[in-house]
Protein backbone atom coordinates (compact mmCIF):
# COMPACT_ATOMS: atom_id res chain seq x y z
CA MET A 1 28.28 6.66 -18.08
CA SER A 2 28.31 2.86 -18.40
CA TYR A 3 27.60 0.72 -15.35
CA GLN A 4 31.24 -0.44 -15.42
CA GLN A 5 32.37 3.18 -15.06
CA THR A 6 29.95 3.68 -12.18
CA VAL A 7 31.31 0.56 -10.48
CA GLU A 8 34.82 1.96 -10.83
CA LYS A 9 33.70 5.27 -9.35
CA TRP A 10 32.44 3.44 -6.26
CA LEU A 11 35.54 1.22 -6.04
CA VAL A 12 37.90 4.19 -5.89
CA PHE A 13 35.78 6.24 -3.49
CA ASP A 14 37.92 6.52 -0.36
CA ASN A 15 35.08 7.21 2.08
CA LEU A 16 32.79 4.37 1.03
CA GLU A 17 31.18 2.77 4.09
CA PRO A 18 33.18 -0.33 5.10
CA GLU A 19 30.11 -2.56 4.93
CA LEU A 20 29.32 -1.46 1.38
CA LYS A 21 32.99 -1.73 0.41
CA GLU A 22 32.97 -5.34 1.60
CA GLN A 23 29.77 -6.11 -0.31
CA LEU A 24 31.18 -4.55 -3.45
CA SER A 25 34.29 -6.67 -3.12
CA GLU A 26 32.13 -9.80 -2.82
CA ILE A 27 30.28 -9.17 -6.09
CA SER A 28 33.15 -7.62 -8.04
CA GLN A 29 33.87 -10.85 -9.94
CA ASP A 30 30.21 -11.59 -10.70
CA GLU A 31 29.32 -9.56 -13.79
CA LYS A 32 25.59 -10.31 -13.61
CA ARG A 33 25.27 -9.18 -9.99
CA LEU A 34 27.41 -6.11 -10.67
CA GLU A 35 25.23 -5.13 -13.62
CA ASP A 36 22.04 -5.54 -11.61
CA ALA A 37 23.45 -3.40 -8.78
CA PHE A 38 24.70 -0.61 -11.06
CA TYR A 39 22.94 -0.77 -14.45
CA LYS A 40 20.61 2.04 -13.38
CA GLU A 41 19.91 4.35 -10.47
CA LEU A 42 17.33 3.01 -8.04
CA GLU A 43 14.22 4.45 -9.57
CA PHE A 44 12.62 7.30 -7.67
CA GLY A 45 9.06 7.05 -8.91
CA THR A 46 5.76 8.73 -8.14
CA GLY A 47 5.56 7.00 -4.75
CA GLY A 48 9.25 7.20 -3.83
CA MET A 49 11.67 4.31 -4.14
CA ARG A 50 12.07 0.72 -3.01
CA GLY A 51 14.79 -1.84 -3.57
CA GLU A 52 17.20 -4.35 -2.12
CA ILE A 53 19.60 -3.09 0.54
CA GLY A 54 23.24 -3.17 -0.53
CA ALA A 55 26.05 -1.61 -2.53
CA GLY A 56 25.20 0.00 -5.85
CA THR A 57 23.20 2.78 -7.46
CA ASN A 58 20.29 0.36 -7.91
CA ARG A 59 20.19 -0.46 -4.20
CA MET A 60 18.96 1.09 -0.96
CA ASN A 61 21.98 2.40 0.94
CA THR A 62 23.26 5.53 2.67
CA TYR A 63 24.22 7.19 -0.61
CA THR A 64 21.02 6.53 -2.55
CA VAL A 65 18.96 7.64 0.47
CA ARG A 66 21.11 10.75 0.79
CA LYS A 67 20.66 11.51 -2.92
CA ALA A 68 16.89 11.07 -2.75
CA SER A 69 16.76 13.26 0.34
CA GLN A 70 18.85 15.97 -1.30
CA GLY A 71 16.42 15.99 -4.22
CA VAL A 72 13.45 16.26 -1.85
CA ALA A 73 15.28 19.04 0.02
CA ASP A 74 15.85 20.98 -3.20
CA TYR A 75 12.16 20.62 -4.02
CA VAL A 76 11.16 22.03 -0.62
CA LYS A 77 13.66 24.87 -0.90
CA SER A 78 12.17 25.81 -4.26
CA ALA A 79 8.83 26.32 -2.47
CA GLY A 80 10.35 28.99 -0.22
CA LEU A 81 11.17 29.72 3.41
CA GLU A 82 7.68 28.96 4.72
CA ALA A 83 7.84 25.42 3.32
CA MET A 84 11.31 24.97 4.84
CA LYS A 85 10.01 26.10 8.26
CA LYS A 86 7.03 23.75 8.07
CA GLY A 87 9.52 20.97 7.48
CA ILE A 88 9.35 17.23 6.92
CA VAL A 89 8.15 14.45 9.24
CA ILE A 90 9.94 11.08 9.04
CA ALA A 91 8.79 7.71 10.36
CA PHE A 92 9.99 4.17 9.80
CA ASP A 93 8.99 0.57 10.37
CA SER A 94 10.92 -2.43 11.64
CA ARG A 95 13.10 -3.16 8.60
CA ARG A 96 16.85 -3.47 8.36
CA LYS A 97 18.62 -0.10 8.47
CA SER A 98 15.33 1.82 8.76
CA LEU A 99 16.57 3.93 11.68
CA GLU A 100 19.88 4.62 9.91
CA PHE A 101 18.10 5.68 6.72
CA THR A 102 15.69 7.84 8.73
CA ARG A 103 18.56 9.67 10.43
CA GLU A 104 20.37 10.06 7.10
CA ALA A 105 17.29 11.65 5.54
CA ALA A 106 16.70 13.92 8.53
CA SER A 107 20.33 15.04 8.56
CA THR A 108 20.20 15.87 4.86
CA PHE A 109 17.04 17.94 5.28
CA ALA A 110 18.34 19.76 8.36
CA ARG A 111 21.70 20.46 6.74
CA ASN A 112 19.73 22.18 3.96
CA GLY A 113 17.94 24.41 6.46
CA ILE A 114 14.71 22.38 6.48
CA GLN A 115 13.08 21.56 9.80
CA ALA A 116 12.96 17.79 10.36
CA TYR A 117 10.64 15.91 12.75
CA VAL A 118 11.68 12.36 13.49
CA TYR A 119 10.18 9.30 15.12
CA GLU A 120 13.09 7.35 16.62
CA VAL A 121 11.13 4.16 17.23
CA PRO A 122 8.88 2.41 14.69
CA ARG A 123 5.54 4.04 13.88
CA THR A 124 2.96 3.06 11.31
CA THR A 125 2.49 4.68 7.93
CA PRO A 126 -1.01 5.93 8.84
CA GLN A 127 0.38 7.62 11.95
CA LEU A 128 2.97 9.32 9.74
CA SER A 129 0.17 10.58 7.48
CA TYR A 130 -1.69 11.90 10.51
CA SER A 131 1.50 13.46 11.93
CA VAL A 132 2.16 15.46 8.75
CA ARG A 133 -1.31 17.00 9.06
CA GLU A 134 -1.16 17.49 12.84
CA LEU A 135 2.26 19.18 12.78
CA GLY A 136 1.39 21.28 9.74
CA ALA A 137 4.46 19.94 7.96
CA TYR A 138 5.16 20.49 4.29
CA MET A 139 6.03 16.85 3.56
CA GLY A 140 6.44 13.43 5.11
CA ILE A 141 8.67 10.40 4.57
CA VAL A 142 8.16 6.78 5.60
CA VAL A 143 11.13 4.44 5.45
CA THR A 144 9.50 1.09 4.64
CA ALA A 145 9.26 -1.64 2.05
CA SER A 146 5.81 -2.76 3.19
CA HIS A 147 5.47 -6.54 2.80
CA ASN A 148 8.63 -7.17 0.74
CA PRO A 149 11.22 -9.74 1.91
CA PRO A 150 13.76 -8.74 4.61
CA GLU A 151 16.45 -7.73 2.11
CA TYR A 152 14.31 -4.79 0.88
CA ASN A 153 13.70 -1.30 2.18
CA GLY A 154 12.11 1.80 0.72
CA TYR A 155 11.31 5.49 0.97
CA LYS A 156 7.73 6.77 0.51
CA VAL A 157 7.03 10.48 0.09
CA TYR A 158 3.98 12.39 1.33
CA GLY A 159 2.60 15.87 0.68
CA GLN A 160 1.29 18.39 3.19
CA ASP A 161 -2.24 16.94 3.02
CA GLY A 162 -0.87 13.67 4.46
CA SER A 163 -1.40 11.79 1.21
CA GLN A 164 1.29 10.30 -0.99
CA LEU A 165 2.33 12.93 -3.52
CA ASN A 166 -0.03 13.50 -6.43
CA LEU A 167 1.39 12.86 -9.90
CA GLU A 168 2.19 16.49 -10.66
CA ASP A 169 4.09 17.08 -7.42
CA ALA A 170 5.74 13.66 -7.64
CA LYS A 171 7.07 14.45 -11.12
CA SER A 172 8.51 17.69 -9.81
CA VAL A 173 10.25 15.89 -6.92
CA ILE A 174 11.56 13.26 -9.33
CA SER A 175 13.06 15.99 -11.52
CA TYR A 176 14.89 17.46 -8.52
CA VAL A 177 16.21 14.04 -7.48
CA GLN A 178 17.46 13.40 -11.01
CA ARG A 179 19.37 16.69 -11.00
CA VAL A 180 21.33 15.87 -7.84
CA GLY A 181 24.13 14.09 -9.66
CA ASN A 182 26.87 12.05 -8.01
CA GLU A 183 25.42 10.35 -4.93
CA LEU A 184 28.92 9.91 -3.48
CA ALA A 185 29.63 13.63 -3.51
CA ILE A 186 26.76 14.74 -1.26
CA GLU A 187 27.94 16.04 2.08
CA ALA A 188 26.68 14.17 5.15
CA GLY A 189 25.06 15.97 8.07
CA ASN A 190 25.88 15.33 11.72
CA TYR A 191 22.69 13.92 13.22
CA GLU A 192 23.50 14.52 16.90
CA GLU A 193 24.63 18.10 16.32
CA LEU A 194 21.50 18.83 14.27
CA VAL A 195 19.30 17.47 17.06
CA GLN A 196 21.14 19.72 19.52
CA SER A 197 20.59 22.70 17.23
CA GLY A 198 16.84 22.04 17.05
CA MET A 199 16.82 21.56 13.27
CA ILE A 200 15.93 17.94 13.98
CA GLN A 201 13.17 17.46 16.55
CA VAL A 202 12.45 14.02 17.99
CA ILE A 203 8.66 13.55 18.16
CA GLY A 204 8.64 10.85 20.82
CA SER A 205 5.20 9.70 21.94
CA ARG A 206 3.45 13.08 22.06
CA LEU A 207 1.17 12.41 19.06
CA ASP A 208 0.31 8.81 19.94
CA LYS A 209 -2.64 9.61 22.21
CA ALA A 210 -4.25 12.11 19.85
CA TYR A 211 -4.01 9.69 16.92
CA LEU A 212 -5.56 6.86 18.94
CA GLU A 213 -8.41 9.11 20.09
CA LEU A 214 -9.24 9.84 16.46
CA VAL A 215 -9.14 6.13 15.64
CA GLU A 216 -11.57 5.51 18.52
CA SER A 217 -13.96 8.00 16.92
CA ILE A 218 -14.72 5.62 14.04
CA GLN A 219 -16.73 3.38 16.39
CA PHE A 220 -20.51 3.20 16.12
CA HIS A 221 -20.75 1.37 19.45
CA GLY A 222 -18.27 3.00 21.80
CA GLU A 223 -19.79 1.51 24.93
CA THR A 224 -17.69 -1.30 26.35
CA SER A 225 -20.54 -3.62 27.31
CA GLY A 226 -20.99 -6.51 24.89
CA LYS A 227 -17.52 -6.25 23.40
CA GLU A 228 -16.38 -9.32 25.28
CA ASN A 229 -18.58 -11.46 23.01
CA VAL A 230 -16.02 -11.43 20.18
CA THR A 231 -12.70 -13.29 20.45
CA ALA A 232 -9.84 -12.24 18.20
CA VAL A 233 -6.14 -12.96 17.64
CA PHE A 234 -3.84 -10.27 16.26
CA SER A 235 -0.28 -10.22 14.89
CA PRO A 236 1.66 -7.21 13.54
CA LEU A 237 4.01 -9.69 11.78
CA HIS A 238 7.05 -8.22 13.58
CA GLY A 239 6.09 -4.79 12.29
CA ALA A 240 5.34 -1.32 13.68
CA SER A 241 1.69 -1.67 14.70
CA GLY A 242 1.89 -4.00 17.71
CA SER A 243 2.07 -1.50 20.57
CA THR A 244 -0.50 0.78 18.92
CA ILE A 245 -3.07 -1.99 18.54
CA ARG A 246 -2.47 -3.28 22.06
CA LYS A 247 -3.20 0.19 23.50
CA LEU A 248 -6.20 0.72 21.22
CA MET A 249 -7.99 -2.56 21.89
CA THR A 250 -7.41 -2.30 25.63
CA LYS A 251 -8.80 1.22 25.65
CA THR A 252 -11.85 0.34 23.57
CA GLY A 253 -12.78 -2.60 25.79
CA TYR A 254 -12.20 -5.65 23.63
CA THR A 255 -11.17 -7.90 26.50
CA ASN A 256 -10.93 -11.08 24.41
CA PHE A 257 -8.55 -9.55 21.88
CA THR A 258 -5.31 -11.56 22.19
CA TYR A 259 -1.88 -11.31 20.60
CA VAL A 260 0.69 -13.54 18.92
CA GLU A 261 3.42 -12.58 21.38
CA GLU A 262 6.20 -14.19 19.29
CA GLN A 263 5.48 -11.63 16.54
CA MET A 264 4.63 -8.53 18.58
CA GLU A 265 8.12 -7.00 18.77
CA PRO A 266 9.46 -5.12 15.72
CA ASN A 267 12.07 -7.26 13.94
CA GLY A 268 13.21 -6.66 10.38
CA GLU A 269 14.44 -10.23 10.00
CA PHE A 270 10.83 -11.50 10.35
CA PRO A 271 12.20 -14.64 12.04
CA THR A 272 8.91 -16.54 12.38
CA LEU A 273 7.64 -15.81 8.86
CA LYS A 274 8.22 -16.84 5.28
CA SER A 275 6.83 -13.48 4.20
CA PRO A 276 5.41 -10.57 6.28
CA ASN A 277 2.45 -10.25 3.92
CA PRO A 278 -1.12 -10.37 5.28
CA GLU A 279 -2.33 -11.41 1.83
CA GLU A 280 -0.63 -14.81 2.21
CA ALA A 281 -1.87 -17.79 4.23
CA ASP A 282 1.64 -18.39 5.65
CA ALA A 283 1.41 -15.11 7.56
CA PHE A 284 -1.46 -16.58 9.61
CA GLU A 285 0.25 -19.77 10.77
CA LEU A 286 0.93 -18.71 14.38
CA ALA A 287 -2.30 -16.73 14.61
CA LYS A 288 -4.23 -19.76 13.41
CA LYS A 289 -2.60 -21.99 15.99
CA GLN A 290 -3.48 -19.55 18.76
CA GLY A 291 -6.95 -19.03 17.32
CA LYS A 292 -7.72 -22.73 17.55
CA GLU A 293 -6.53 -22.79 21.16
CA THR A 294 -8.75 -19.84 22.11
CA ALA A 295 -11.69 -20.59 19.74
CA ALA A 296 -11.19 -17.14 18.21
CA ASP A 297 -13.89 -15.78 15.91
CA ILE A 298 -11.42 -13.86 13.76
CA LEU A 299 -7.68 -13.66 13.13
CA ILE A 300 -6.09 -10.37 12.07
CA THR A 301 -2.62 -9.57 10.72
CA ALA A 302 -1.08 -6.26 9.65
CA ASP A 303 1.88 -5.69 7.37
CA PRO A 304 5.16 -4.25 8.76
CA ASP A 305 4.29 -0.56 8.28
CA GLY A 306 0.73 -1.00 9.54
CA ASP A 307 -1.21 0.23 6.55
CA ARG A 308 -2.67 -3.06 5.24
CA VAL A 309 -4.64 -5.70 7.11
CA GLY A 310 -5.61 -9.33 6.53
CA VAL A 311 -8.56 -11.14 8.14
CA ALA A 312 -9.43 -14.81 8.63
CA VAL A 313 -12.80 -16.04 9.93
CA GLN A 314 -13.54 -19.17 11.94
CA LYS A 315 -15.39 -21.88 10.05
CA GLY A 316 -15.81 -25.13 11.91
CA ALA A 317 -12.46 -26.28 13.24
CA ASP A 318 -10.45 -24.09 10.84
CA TYR A 319 -10.24 -20.57 9.43
CA VAL A 320 -11.10 -19.08 6.04
CA LEU A 321 -8.92 -16.20 4.81
CA LEU A 322 -10.85 -13.29 3.36
CA THR A 323 -9.53 -11.54 0.28
CA GLY A 324 -9.02 -7.80 0.33
CA ASN A 325 -12.13 -7.41 -1.81
CA GLN A 326 -14.22 -9.50 0.60
CA THR A 327 -13.10 -7.60 3.69
CA GLY A 328 -13.82 -4.35 1.83
CA ALA A 329 -17.32 -5.52 0.92
CA ILE A 330 -18.09 -6.46 4.54
CA LEU A 331 -16.79 -3.12 5.83
CA ILE A 332 -18.85 -1.16 3.27
CA GLU A 333 -22.00 -3.08 4.22
CA TYR A 334 -21.36 -2.56 7.94
CA LEU A 335 -20.43 1.12 7.71
CA LEU A 336 -23.32 2.11 5.45
CA THR A 337 -25.96 0.19 7.39
CA GLN A 338 -24.73 1.73 10.65
CA LEU A 339 -24.74 5.24 9.18
CA LYS A 340 -28.28 4.62 7.94
CA GLU A 341 -29.44 3.35 11.31
CA LYS A 342 -28.05 6.39 13.05
CA GLN A 343 -29.45 8.68 10.32
CA GLN A 344 -25.93 9.93 9.59
CA LEU A 345 -25.70 8.88 5.94
CA PRO A 346 -25.03 12.05 3.93
CA LYS A 347 -26.86 12.59 0.64
CA ASN A 348 -23.60 13.27 -1.16
CA GLY A 349 -21.62 10.41 0.41
CA ARG A 350 -19.22 8.54 -1.83
CA VAL A 351 -17.19 5.31 -1.67
CA PHE A 352 -13.85 5.09 -3.50
CA LYS A 353 -12.05 2.09 -4.93
CA THR A 354 -9.34 1.38 -7.50
CA ILE A 355 -9.83 0.12 -11.06
CA VAL A 356 -8.57 -3.36 -10.10
CA THR A 357 -10.86 -3.66 -7.06
CA SER A 358 -14.05 -5.75 -7.13
CA ASP A 359 -17.27 -4.26 -8.47
CA LEU A 360 -19.10 -5.75 -5.47
CA GLY A 361 -18.24 -2.71 -3.38
CA ARG A 362 -19.81 -0.41 -5.95
CA VAL A 363 -22.96 -2.57 -6.10
CA ILE A 364 -23.31 -2.59 -2.29
CA ALA A 365 -22.88 1.18 -2.15
CA GLU A 366 -25.52 1.69 -4.84
CA PHE A 367 -27.91 -0.60 -2.95
CA HIS A 368 -27.63 1.79 0.00
CA GLY A 369 -28.08 4.84 -2.23
CA VAL A 370 -24.40 5.84 -2.15
CA SER A 371 -22.35 6.68 -5.23
CA SER A 372 -18.89 5.26 -5.91
CA GLU A 373 -15.86 6.32 -7.91
CA ASP A 374 -12.96 4.40 -9.43
CA VAL A 375 -9.41 5.72 -9.33
CA LEU A 376 -6.09 4.40 -10.59
CA THR A 377 -4.27 1.76 -8.57
CA GLY A 378 -2.51 3.35 -5.62
CA PHE A 379 -4.08 4.82 -2.51
CA LYS A 380 -2.65 8.24 -3.28
CA PHE A 381 -5.38 8.64 -5.89
CA ILE A 382 -8.00 8.11 -3.19
CA GLY A 383 -6.16 10.65 -1.03
CA GLU A 384 -6.21 13.07 -3.94
CA LYS A 385 -9.99 12.67 -4.27
CA ILE A 386 -10.48 13.29 -0.54
CA GLN A 387 -8.61 16.58 -0.88
CA GLN A 388 -10.49 17.54 -4.06
CA TYR A 389 -13.95 16.94 -2.61
CA GLU A 390 -13.05 18.44 0.74
CA GLN A 391 -12.47 21.69 -1.12
CA SER A 392 -15.35 21.48 -3.62
CA LYS A 393 -17.90 19.98 -1.14
CA GLU A 394 -19.33 17.99 -4.09
CA TYR A 395 -19.01 14.66 -2.28
CA GLU A 396 -18.32 13.51 1.26
CA PHE A 397 -15.79 10.71 1.76
CA LEU A 398 -17.31 7.64 3.41
CA PHE A 399 -14.84 4.86 2.69
CA GLY A 400 -11.89 4.10 0.44
CA TYR A 401 -10.26 0.76 -0.32
CA GLU A 402 -8.23 -1.33 -2.72
CA GLU A 403 -8.06 -5.06 -3.35
CA SER A 404 -4.55 -5.27 -1.90
CA TYR A 405 -5.87 -5.14 1.68
CA GLY A 406 -5.86 -1.37 2.19
CA TYR A 407 -8.80 0.49 3.81
CA LEU A 408 -9.55 3.96 5.11
CA ILE A 409 -12.63 4.86 7.15
CA LYS A 410 -12.09 8.44 8.34
CA PRO A 411 -9.81 10.86 6.47
CA PHE A 412 -7.81 12.28 9.37
CA VAL A 413 -5.34 9.90 7.71
CA ARG A 414 -4.87 10.16 3.96
CA ASP A 415 -3.49 6.70 3.27
CA LYS A 416 -4.47 3.13 4.04
CA ASP A 417 -4.93 2.70 7.77
CA ALA A 418 -4.76 -0.81 9.22
CA ILE A 419 -5.34 0.60 12.71
CA GLN A 420 -8.74 2.00 11.76
CA ALA A 421 -9.59 -1.12 9.76
CA ILE A 422 -8.72 -3.49 12.64
CA LEU A 423 -11.02 -1.64 15.02
CA ALA A 424 -13.81 -1.51 12.41
CA ILE A 425 -13.65 -5.19 11.46
CA THR A 426 -13.55 -6.19 15.14
CA GLU A 427 -16.60 -4.05 15.87
CA ALA A 428 -18.39 -5.53 12.83
CA ALA A 429 -17.58 -9.07 13.99
CA SER A 430 -18.94 -8.26 17.45
CA PHE A 431 -22.09 -6.63 16.03
CA TYR A 432 -22.92 -9.52 13.72
CA LYS A 433 -22.05 -12.16 16.34
CA ALA A 434 -24.73 -10.64 18.58
CA GLN A 435 -27.13 -11.42 15.71
CA GLY A 436 -25.86 -14.99 15.48
CA LYS A 437 -23.81 -14.34 12.33
CA THR A 438 -20.15 -14.69 11.41
CA LEU A 439 -18.45 -12.44 8.88
CA LEU A 440 -18.68 -15.35 6.43
CA ASN A 441 -22.46 -15.38 6.89
CA VAL A 442 -22.52 -11.66 6.11
CA LEU A 443 -20.42 -12.20 2.99
CA HIS A 444 -22.68 -15.05 1.81
CA ASP A 445 -25.73 -12.82 2.27
CA LEU A 446 -24.06 -10.13 0.13
CA TYR A 447 -23.32 -12.64 -2.63
CA GLU A 448 -26.88 -13.95 -2.57
CA ARG A 449 -28.25 -10.41 -2.78
CA HIS A 450 -25.90 -8.97 -5.37
CA GLY A 451 -24.28 -11.88 -7.24
CA TYR A 452 -21.08 -13.85 -6.76
CA TYR A 453 -18.31 -11.38 -7.52
CA PHE A 454 -15.01 -13.26 -7.47
CA GLU A 455 -11.56 -11.94 -8.23
CA GLY A 456 -8.12 -13.38 -8.93
CA LEU A 457 -4.57 -12.13 -9.31
CA VAL A 458 -1.59 -13.56 -11.19
CA SER A 459 1.83 -12.01 -10.50
CA VAL A 460 4.68 -12.81 -12.88
CA THR A 461 8.12 -11.89 -11.54
CA LYS A 462 10.64 -10.49 -14.02
CA LYS A 463 13.80 -9.44 -12.18
CA GLY A 464 16.67 -7.28 -13.30
CA ALA A 465 17.31 -5.34 -16.50
CA ASP A 466 16.07 -8.17 -18.72
CA GLY A 467 12.86 -8.45 -16.73
CA ALA A 468 12.12 -4.73 -17.00
CA ARG A 469 12.60 -4.95 -20.77
CA ASP A 470 10.31 -8.00 -20.97
CA ILE A 471 7.50 -6.25 -19.09
CA GLN A 472 7.70 -3.17 -21.30
CA SER A 473 7.83 -5.34 -24.40
CA LEU A 474 4.65 -7.18 -23.37
CA LEU A 475 2.69 -3.95 -22.94
CA THR A 476 3.99 -2.62 -26.25
CA ASN A 477 2.93 -5.85 -27.93
CA LEU A 478 -0.56 -5.72 -26.41
CA ARG A 479 -1.03 -2.23 -27.82
CA SER A 480 0.31 -3.03 -31.29
CA GLN A 481 -1.56 -6.36 -31.52
CA PRO A 482 -4.76 -5.84 -29.46
CA LEU A 483 -6.57 -8.79 -27.92
CA THR A 484 -10.00 -9.67 -29.30
CA GLU A 485 -10.94 -12.40 -26.84
CA ILE A 486 -9.87 -13.87 -23.52
CA ALA A 487 -10.52 -17.53 -22.67
CA GLY A 488 -12.89 -17.72 -25.65
CA ILE A 489 -14.98 -14.79 -24.39
CA ALA A 490 -15.17 -11.78 -26.70
CA ILE A 491 -13.85 -8.41 -25.54
CA SER A 492 -16.48 -5.67 -25.63
CA SER A 493 -14.22 -2.73 -24.80
CA GLN A 494 -10.69 -1.80 -23.75
CA GLU A 495 -9.37 0.97 -21.54
CA ASP A 496 -5.82 2.17 -22.13
CA TYR A 497 -4.77 4.39 -19.25
CA LEU A 498 -1.58 5.42 -21.02
CA THR A 499 -3.40 6.95 -24.00
CA GLN A 500 -6.40 7.72 -21.75
CA THR A 501 -8.69 6.13 -24.31
CA ARG A 502 -11.69 3.82 -24.00
CA SER A 503 -12.28 1.90 -27.25
CA PHE A 504 -15.12 -0.42 -28.29
CA VAL A 505 -15.38 -3.38 -30.64
CA ASP A 506 -18.65 -2.11 -32.15
CA ASP A 507 -19.16 1.08 -34.14
CA ARG A 508 -19.04 3.45 -31.19
CA ASN A 509 -16.35 6.10 -31.28
CA ASP A 510 -13.45 6.04 -28.84
CA GLU A 511 -13.96 7.95 -25.61
CA LYS A 512 -11.48 10.10 -23.73
CA MET A 513 -10.92 9.04 -20.10
CA ILE A 514 -10.41 11.58 -17.32
CA LEU A 515 -8.13 9.49 -15.09
CA PRO A 516 -4.39 10.29 -15.01
CA GLN A 517 -1.97 8.48 -17.30
CA ALA A 518 -0.68 5.04 -16.28
CA ASN A 519 0.89 2.16 -18.18
CA VAL A 520 -2.17 -0.05 -17.65
CA LEU A 521 -4.64 -1.89 -19.90
CA LYS A 522 -8.08 -3.11 -18.84
CA TYR A 523 -10.32 -5.40 -20.90
CA PHE A 524 -14.08 -5.75 -20.43
CA LEU A 525 -15.64 -8.98 -21.67
CA VAL A 526 -19.16 -9.45 -23.01
CA ASP A 527 -20.18 -11.63 -20.04
CA GLY A 528 -19.40 -8.92 -17.45
CA SER A 529 -15.92 -10.21 -16.60
CA TRP A 530 -12.83 -8.01 -16.79
CA VAL A 531 -9.05 -8.39 -16.92
CA CYS A 532 -6.46 -5.72 -16.11
CA VAL A 533 -2.74 -5.82 -16.99
CA ARG A 534 -0.53 -3.64 -14.82
CA PRO A 535 3.19 -3.52 -14.02
CA SER A 536 3.82 -3.29 -10.29
CA GLY A 537 5.06 0.10 -9.16
CA THR A 538 7.13 -1.34 -6.31
CA GLU A 539 8.23 -4.84 -7.36
CA PRO A 540 9.74 -6.42 -10.51
CA LYS A 541 6.38 -7.91 -11.51
CA ILE A 542 3.67 -7.74 -14.13
CA LYS A 543 0.22 -8.34 -12.64
CA TYR A 544 -2.97 -9.69 -14.17
CA TYR A 545 -6.11 -8.78 -12.23
CA ILE A 546 -9.30 -10.70 -13.03
CA GLY A 547 -12.90 -10.10 -12.00
CA VAL A 548 -15.95 -12.27 -12.75
CA THR A 549 -19.59 -12.35 -11.69
CA SER A 550 -22.50 -14.77 -12.01
CA ALA A 551 -25.59 -15.88 -10.11
CA THR A 552 -23.97 -18.90 -8.45
CA GLU A 553 -20.79 -19.63 -6.56
CA VAL A 554 -19.88 -22.60 -8.77
CA ASP A 555 -20.29 -20.67 -12.02
CA SER A 556 -18.10 -17.81 -10.77
CA GLN A 557 -15.42 -20.19 -9.50
CA GLU A 558 -15.26 -22.06 -12.81
CA LYS A 559 -15.22 -18.88 -14.84
CA LEU A 560 -12.45 -17.35 -12.74
CA LYS A 561 -10.31 -20.48 -12.99
CA GLU A 562 -10.74 -20.68 -16.77
CA ILE A 563 -9.92 -17.02 -17.42
CA LYS A 564 -6.93 -17.06 -15.07
CA THR A 565 -5.44 -20.18 -16.68
CA GLN A 566 -6.03 -19.22 -20.29
CA PHE A 567 -5.08 -15.56 -19.96
CA THR A 568 -1.79 -16.43 -18.24
CA ALA A 569 -1.02 -18.83 -21.09
CA GLN A 570 -1.89 -16.12 -23.63
CA MET A 571 0.52 -13.71 -21.96
CA ASP A 572 3.28 -16.34 -21.72
CA LYS A 573 3.07 -16.69 -25.50
CA ARG A 574 3.27 -12.93 -25.93
CA PHE A 575 6.39 -12.80 -23.74
CA SER A 576 8.09 -15.21 -26.13
CA LEU A 577 7.36 -13.08 -29.20
C-alpha cells in the first residue's frame, strides 16, 4: 500500500480522534509532511519505538501505541497462561501524552487477558526495571523519549529480568507487532472498567520505599556524619526523578544537597530548557546559577526518565562539565578502591562497558586487578551479561556504564540508573573532599597514572525518508570501499559488527567476533586511536565516536581535534557519492 493510500485510509476513518483529524487536515496539502508522517510505520525496533507525536503511521499516537501493544500482547499470549498472569508493568515519565499512552497500552493488555500493573504518576525507568523484578512480571513498558525534544515520545520494552529485551526476544516481539495489521481496526479497551475488574492494578507508591532502600545499600559510608561537607545542586530537568532524589538525599543525610525548584516538577514542555539532555551545557544553566550562589562543589542533572545523569564540578568561579566517560572513570576508581579497602573485591569481579565507551575504564579496572568486557552499544547488552553471569557464576557484576551518561552500580536494576549514580557520585565527592580533593583532581590523577584518554562524538542528523536512505548508503559505501587511513593515520584493523568480522591490514587472517550483529563499523588506528561509525537506534542520526590516548593533555586534545575534523570531512564526501 502506498503512503497516499494509507493517508486516504486515515482520512475516511470515522472514529479518528478529533485532535488527530485536525492535525491531518493541517498537513493534507503539504506533500512532504504527509509523506514523512505516512511513508512507513513507526519502526518498532529491538528497544521499542520512538517518534514525533502526531497523526500518521510514522508518529506516536493512540493507534500506533495500540498496535504496538497488541503485538506485545500477542507475544505474551504465545508464552501461555502463566506469562499472562504474571503480566506487564507500565511506567511513564513527564512527556506529552505519556499518561494517555500508558493507559492505552494497559487497556490493550488487559483486554487481551493479560494482567497490567500501572504507575499513574511519573516514575523513573530504573524503578520500572526494579518493579518488573519485584512484582515477578513477565514484561515491562516505559513510555518515554528520554532526552528528545518535547514533540517526541516513545515506548521501551523490558523482559522479565528487568532488562530491555535481548535481541532474540526483541525480534520475536517485532514479528508479532508486524503481524497486527491495520492500526485503526484494533478495538479499544475501557480503562476504568478494566481497573474495576482488577485486570489493571494501579501500583501507587507501594514499591517506592523498597526501591529506595536498595539504592541506599550502594553506599560505602552510610553514617550521616561528615556528609554535610559536600554541597550539591540537583535538577531532574522537569522529569520523573525529582521526588525520588529529594526523598533519597534527605534520608541518606546529605543536608547540603539543594534543588533547582523551577525544574523539580514534571513538565513535558520543558519550559526552562532548550533541551532536557544532561549531556548538554544548556541543561546546567539554572543549576550553575544556583551553584554559584551556594558555592556548590558539584552540579547534577538527570534526564526526563531518570536513567542518565550529568555532572559538573566546581573549578574556581565556574563549573567544568564532565563527559560520560569521565564520570564513569571516577566512579570505577571510587567503587573499586572502596571495595578493596573493605576487602569486598571479588576475585571474579568484572566491569562492563560498550564498544564506543572510553578505554580508560578498562585500564583503571585492570590496575585494580579487575577484568572488563565490551558489549554492543545499548545498556540492554550489559543487562544481558548480568543475567548470563548470574546464572553461570563465571563473573560477578561490579559496574556497568556507557559514554552516553548511563551507569549501573548494583543489579537490582537491569538498566541505567541515575538514582544510584547520583548517590554514588555525591558520596565520592564527599569522600574525596575530606581528602582535600575535587572530582577534577581525581580525574587528573587518573590521567597522569594511565594516560590522557580523550573522546569525541559527532552526530549528523538526517531526517525523513531521504535521511534514512543516506545513512544506509554511507554504511554500504564504507563496506564496499574500505577506509585505509583516517586523518593521515593508518588503520591497523577494522571491526564490522554486521558481518561479525575483525579484519587486519597485515597478513593475519580475519577473525570471527562473538558479539551480536549490528550495523556498526569500528576502525583501530596504528597510534592507539579508534573511530566508530554507528547509526542511532532512536534518532535520525549517524554518529561518529572517536577515542584517542597519549601521554600529555595537549597531545590528546590536538589529536582528537584533528581526527574529528578530518573524519567528518571524509564522511561528508562519502555522503555526496
